[in-house]
Amino acid sequence: MAKTQLNVRVDEGTARAARERALARGMSVNRYIEELVRQDTGEVGHTFVEAAADFMKQYESVFADEFGAENEGTREGRR
């Protein structure tokens, strides 16, 4: 994906907090800000749901074998 440069002016306290949080997470300030924006716009949540759906499609038969119809009564009883 192509990158676009974005210059943002913040006060020194905000800049310091961004640097500290990025460092604590082991990432660059740029990556930290990118992730904050993605979280705010919901992109991370959508990506997670899509990945979870893909996972379930791939392993549907495994789950069906493990927790299939013969276990239906025991699952209902746990609710």
Protein backbone atom coordinates (compact mmCIF):
# COMPACT_ATOMS: atom_id res chain seq x y z
CA MET A 1 0.00 0.00 0.00
CA ALA A 2 1.31 3.43 -0.92
CA LYS A 3 2.06 5.76 1.95
CA THR A 4 1.20 9.44 2.19
CA GLN A 5 3.06 11.80 4.43
CA LEU A 6 0.92 13.70 6.91
CA ASN A 7 2.37 16.42 9.10
CA VAL A 8 0.60 17.06 12.38
CA ARG A 9 1.36 19.67 15.01
CA VAL A 10 0.73 18.73 18.64
CA ASP A 11 1.82 20.17 21.94
CA GLU A 12 4.98 18.80 23.57
CA GLY A 13 3.04 16.77 26.14
CA THR A 14 1.06 14.98 23.44
CA ALA A 15 4.23 14.33 21.43
CA ARG A 16 5.98 12.93 24.50
CA ALA A 17 3.00 10.70 25.32
CA ALA A 18 2.90 9.39 21.74
CA ARG A 19 6.63 8.60 21.81
CA GLU A 20 6.35 6.86 25.19
CA ARG A 21 3.31 4.79 24.20
CA ALA A 22 4.89 3.78 20.90
CA LEU A 23 8.11 2.78 22.64
CA ALA A 24 6.19 0.76 25.23
CA ARG A 25 4.48 -1.12 22.40
CA GLY A 26 7.73 -1.63 20.50
CA MET A 27 6.67 0.34 17.45
CA SER A 28 7.39 3.60 15.71
CA VAL A 29 5.36 6.71 16.46
CA ASN A 30 4.14 6.58 12.87
CA ARG A 31 2.83 3.03 13.29
CA TYR A 32 1.30 3.91 16.66
CA ILE A 33 -0.64 6.84 15.15
CA GLU A 34 -1.72 4.68 12.18
CA GLU A 35 -3.11 2.06 14.55
CA LEU A 36 -4.96 4.67 16.61
CA VAL A 37 -6.65 6.00 13.48
CA ARG A 38 -7.54 2.49 12.30
CA GLN A 39 -9.03 1.67 15.69
CA ASP A 40 -11.01 4.89 15.65
CA THR A 41 -12.40 4.19 12.20
CA GLY A 42 -13.19 0.57 13.05
CA GLU A 43 -10.82 -0.96 10.53
CA VAL A 44 -9.16 -3.18 13.12
CA GLY A 45 -12.49 -4.56 14.28
CA HIS A 46 -13.61 -5.29 10.75
CA THR A 47 -10.29 -6.97 9.96
CA PHE A 48 -10.62 -9.16 13.07
CA VAL A 49 -14.16 -10.21 12.20
CA GLU A 50 -13.15 -11.04 8.63
CA ALA A 51 -10.18 -13.08 9.85
CA ALA A 52 -12.37 -14.91 12.37
CA ALA A 53 -14.92 -15.71 9.65
CA ASP A 54 -12.18 -17.03 7.37
CA PHE A 55 -10.81 -19.15 10.23
CA MET A 56 -14.24 -20.63 10.91
CA LYS A 57 -14.73 -21.44 7.22
CA GLN A 58 -11.37 -23.21 7.11
CA TYR A 59 -11.94 -25.23 10.30
CA GLU A 60 -15.71 -25.69 10.17
CA SER A 61 -15.43 -29.45 9.68
CA VAL A 62 -13.02 -29.77 12.61
CA PHE A 63 -15.46 -27.94 14.90
CA ALA A 64 -18.37 -29.99 13.55
CA ASP A 65 -16.48 -33.21 14.27
CA GLU A 66 -15.60 -32.10 17.79
CA PHE A 67 -18.79 -30.34 18.76
CA GLY A 68 -21.28 -31.80 16.28
CA ALA A 69 -24.83 -33.06 16.66
CA GLU A 70 -23.97 -35.73 19.25
CA ASN A 71 -22.91 -32.94 21.64
CA GLU A 72 -25.93 -30.75 20.89
CA GLY A 73 -27.72 -31.63 24.13
CA THR A 74 -24.72 -30.99 26.35
CA ARG A 75 -24.08 -27.59 24.81
CA GLU A 76 -27.71 -26.55 25.28
CA GLY A 77 -27.58 -27.68 28.90
CA ARG A 78 -24.65 -25.37 29.66
CA ARG A 79 -26.53 -22.19 28.77
